[in-house]
C-alpha atoms as a PDB file:
ATOM      1  CA  UNK A   1       0.000   0.000   0.000  1.00  0.00           C
ATOM      2  CA  UNK A   2       1.510   3.295  -1.083  1.00  0.00           C
ATOM      3  CA  UNK A   3       1.521   6.620   0.669  1.00  0.00           C
ATOM      4  CA  UNK A   4      -1.347   7.903  -1.495  1.00  0.00           C
ATOM      5  CA  UNK A   5      -3.547   4.888  -0.719  1.00  0.00           C
ATOM      6  CA  UNK A   6      -4.231   6.112   2.792  1.00  0.00           C
ATOM      7  CA  UNK A   7      -6.804   8.513   4.116  1.00  0.00           C
ATOM      8  CA  UNK A   8      -5.283  10.987   6.531  1.00  0.00           C
ATOM      9  CA  UNK A   9      -7.700  12.920   8.739  1.00  0.00           C
ATOM     10  CA  UNK A  10      -6.443  16.103  10.366  1.00  0.00           C
ATOM     11  CA  UNK A  11      -8.307  16.025  13.681  1.00  0.00           C
ATOM     12  CA  UNK A  12      -6.661  19.258  14.797  1.00  0.00           C
ATOM     13  CA  UNK A  13      -8.021  21.035  11.726  1.00  0.00           C
ATOM     14  CA  UNK A  14     -11.506  19.606  12.246  1.00  0.00           C
ATOM     15  CA  UNK A  15     -11.490  20.619  15.932  1.00  0.00           C
ATOM     16  CA  UNK A  16     -10.274  24.150  15.149  1.00  0.00           C
ATOM     17  CA  UNK A  17     -12.845  24.459  12.340  1.00  0.00           C
ATOM     18  CA  UNK A  18     -15.570  23.443  14.772  1.00  0.00           C
ATOM     19  CA  UNK A  19     -14.341  26.033  17.272  1.00  0.00           C
ATOM     20  CA  UNK A  20     -14.015  28.772  14.635  1.00  0.00           C
ATOM     21  CA  UNK A  21     -17.525  28.118  13.323  1.00  0.00           C
ATOM     22  CA  UNK A  22     -18.865  28.300  16.884  1.00  0.00           C
ATOM     23  CA  UNK A  23     -17.127  31.698  17.314  1.00  0.00           C
ATOM     24  CA  UNK A  24     -18.523  32.972  13.990  1.00  0.00           C
ATOM     25  CA  UNK A  25     -22.009  31.852  15.012  1.00  0.00           C
ATOM     26  CA  UNK A  26     -21.677  33.674  18.341  1.00  0.00           C
ATOM     27  CA  UNK A  27     -20.475  36.863  16.611  1.00  0.00           C
ATOM     28  CA  UNK A  28     -23.295  36.791  14.050  1.00  0.00           C
ATOM     29  CA  UNK A  29     -25.895  36.307  16.773  1.00  0.00           C
ATOM     30  CA  UNK A  30     -24.412  39.131  18.873  1.00  0.00           C
ATOM     31  CA  UNK A  31     -24.596  41.792  16.162  1.00  0.00           C
ATOM     32  CA  UNK A  32     -28.227  42.603  17.023  1.00  0.00           C
ATOM     33  CA  UNK A  33     -27.121  44.163  20.305  1.00  0.00           C
ATOM     34  CA  UNK A  34     -25.217  46.893  18.439  1.00  0.00           C
ATOM     35  CA  UNK A  35     -28.094  48.014  16.218  1.00  0.00           C
ATOM     36  CA  UNK A  36     -29.622  50.374  18.785  1.00  0.00           C
ATOM     37  CA  UNK A  37     -26.184  51.687  19.740  1.00  0.00           C
ATOM     38  CA  UNK A  38     -25.521  53.129  16.268  1.00  0.00           C
ATOM     39  CA  UNK A  39     -28.989  54.391  15.371  1.00  0.00           C
ATOM     40  CA  UNK A  40     -28.458  57.832  16.929  1.00  0.00           C
ATOM     41  CA  UNK A  41     -25.128  58.515  15.187  1.00  0.00           C
ATOM     42  CA  UNK A  42     -26.615  58.830  11.672  1.00  0.00           C
ATOM     43  CA  UNK A  43     -28.105  62.228  12.379  1.00  0.00           C
ATOM     44  CA  UNK A  44     -30.418  63.268   9.553  1.00  0.00           C
ATOM     45  CA  UNK A  45     -33.625  61.212   9.240  1.00  0.00           C
ATOM     46  CA  UNK A  46     -33.090  60.370   5.563  1.00  0.00           C
ATOM     47  CA  UNK A  47     -29.633  58.941   6.320  1.00  0.00           C
ATOM     48  CA  UNK A  48     -30.954  57.102   9.362  1.00  0.00           C
ATOM     49  CA  UNK A  49     -33.777  55.680   7.220  1.00  0.00           C
ATOM     50  CA  UNK A  50     -31.381  54.406   4.558  1.00  0.00           C
ATOM     51  CA  UNK A  51     -29.132  52.917   7.203  1.00  0.00           C
ATOM     52  CA  UNK A  52     -32.125  51.201   8.798  1.00  0.00           C
ATOM     53  CA  UNK A  53     -32.985  49.776   5.372  1.00  0.00           C
ATOM     54  CA  UNK A  54     -29.404  48.573   4.949  1.00  0.00           C
ATOM     55  CA  UNK A  55     -29.360  47.019   8.429  1.00  0.00           C
ATOM     56  CA  UNK A  56     -32.673  45.266   7.780  1.00  0.00           C
ATOM     57  CA  UNK A  57     -31.298  43.802   4.531  1.00  0.00           C
ATOM     58  CA  UNK A  58     -28.114  42.819   6.334  1.00  0.00           C
ATOM     59  CA  UNK A  59     -30.229  41.119   9.029  1.00  0.00           C
ATOM     60  CA  UNK A  60     -31.886  38.976   6.363  1.00  0.00           C
ATOM     61  CA  UNK A  61     -28.554  37.988   4.807  1.00  0.00           C
ATOM     62  CA  UNK A  62     -27.027  37.471   8.244  1.00  0.00           C
ATOM     63  CA  UNK A  63     -29.801  35.022   9.183  1.00  0.00           C
ATOM     64  CA  UNK A  64     -29.125  33.062   6.006  1.00  0.00           C
ATOM     65  CA  UNK A  65     -25.390  33.141   6.669  1.00  0.00           C
ATOM     66  CA  UNK A  66     -25.962  32.039  10.252  1.00  0.00           C
ATOM     67  CA  UNK A  67     -28.032  29.064   9.057  1.00  0.00           C
ATOM     68  CA  UNK A  68     -25.238  28.086   6.669  1.00  0.00           C
ATOM     69  CA  UNK A  69     -22.605  28.393   9.419  1.00  0.00           C
ATOM     70  CA  UNK A  70     -24.747  26.260  11.745  1.00  0.00           C
ATOM     71  CA  UNK A  71     -25.221  23.613   9.026  1.00  0.00           C
ATOM     72  CA  UNK A  72     -21.505  23.558   8.283  1.00  0.00           C
ATOM     73  CA  UNK A  73     -20.729  23.250  11.986  1.00  0.00           C
ATOM     74  CA  UNK A  74     -23.044  20.233  12.229  1.00  0.00           C
ATOM     75  CA  UNK A  75     -21.362  18.653   9.207  1.00  0.00           C
ATOM     76  CA  UNK A  76     -17.899  19.171  10.704  1.00  0.00           C
ATOM     77  CA  UNK A  77     -19.080  17.701  14.018  1.00  0.00           C
ATOM     78  CA  UNK A  78     -20.606  14.679  12.258  1.00  0.00           C
ATOM     79  CA  UNK A  79     -17.446  14.157  10.196  1.00  0.00           C
ATOM     80  CA  UNK A  80     -15.257  14.362  13.270  1.00  0.00           C
ATOM     81  CA  UNK A  81     -17.377  11.848  15.207  1.00  0.00           C
ATOM     82  CA  UNK A  82     -17.565   9.507  12.201  1.00  0.00           C
ATOM     83  CA  UNK A  83     -13.793   9.514  11.679  1.00  0.00           C
ATOM     84  CA  UNK A  84     -13.162   8.984  15.401  1.00  0.00           C
ATOM     85  CA  UNK A  85     -15.558   6.013  15.414  1.00  0.00           C
ATOM     86  CA  UNK A  86     -13.975   4.602  12.260  1.00  0.00           C
ATOM     87  CA  UNK A  87     -10.498   4.917  13.796  1.00  0.00           C
ATOM     88  CA  UNK A  88     -11.653   3.099  16.920  1.00  0.00           C
ATOM     89  CA  UNK A  89     -13.389   0.376  14.897  1.00  0.00           C
ATOM     90  CA  UNK A  90     -10.250  -0.155  12.776  1.00  0.00           C
ATOM     91  CA  UNK A  91      -8.061  -0.260  15.888  1.00  0.00           C
ATOM     92  CA  UNK A  92     -10.327  -2.841  17.508  1.00  0.00           C
ATOM     93  CA  UNK A  93     -10.431  -4.934  14.324  1.00  0.00           C
ATOM     94  CA  UNK A  94      -6.628  -4.880  14.061  1.00  0.00           C
ATOM     95  CA  UNK A  95      -6.238  -5.886  17.715  1.00  0.00           C
ATOM     96  CA  UNK A  96      -8.700  -8.738  17.249  1.00  0.00           C
ATOM     97  CA  UNK A  97      -6.834  -9.895  14.142  1.00  0.00           C
ATOM     98  CA  UNK A  98      -3.495  -9.838  16.023  1.00  0.00           C
ATOM     99  CA  UNK A  99      -5.006 -11.812  18.914  1.00  0.00           C
ATOM    100  CA  UNK A 100      -6.364 -14.410  16.490  1.00  0.00           C
ATOM    101  CA  UNK A 101      -2.922 -14.772  14.851  1.00  0.00           C
ATOM    102  CA  UNK A 102      -1.284 -15.252  18.282  1.00  0.00           C
ATOM    103  CA  UNK A 103      -3.901 -17.873  19.150  1.00  0.00           C
ATOM    104  CA  UNK A 104      -3.142 -19.988  16.071  1.00  0.00           C
END
């Protein structure tokens, strides 16, 4: 079996991706708290109105982005758990095979 015949899973990368996605999700959810803070700085009503329109549009896109980040986080989590289970299953199968060879 050659070097390219093996699947190598970078658990560190999967764990950091899971953590980063969790941080992104937290940041996207926390943006709402700042909306009221900036409303008064726009001054003129027409500017404030346009900024409110922009923020409302951004809220819609942010919700969609948040859903995508959550879905990706679930996929990373599922992948990580699946690879960990597969590693354990392969380890157990190899140990069983070695024990059977010693028994013969």
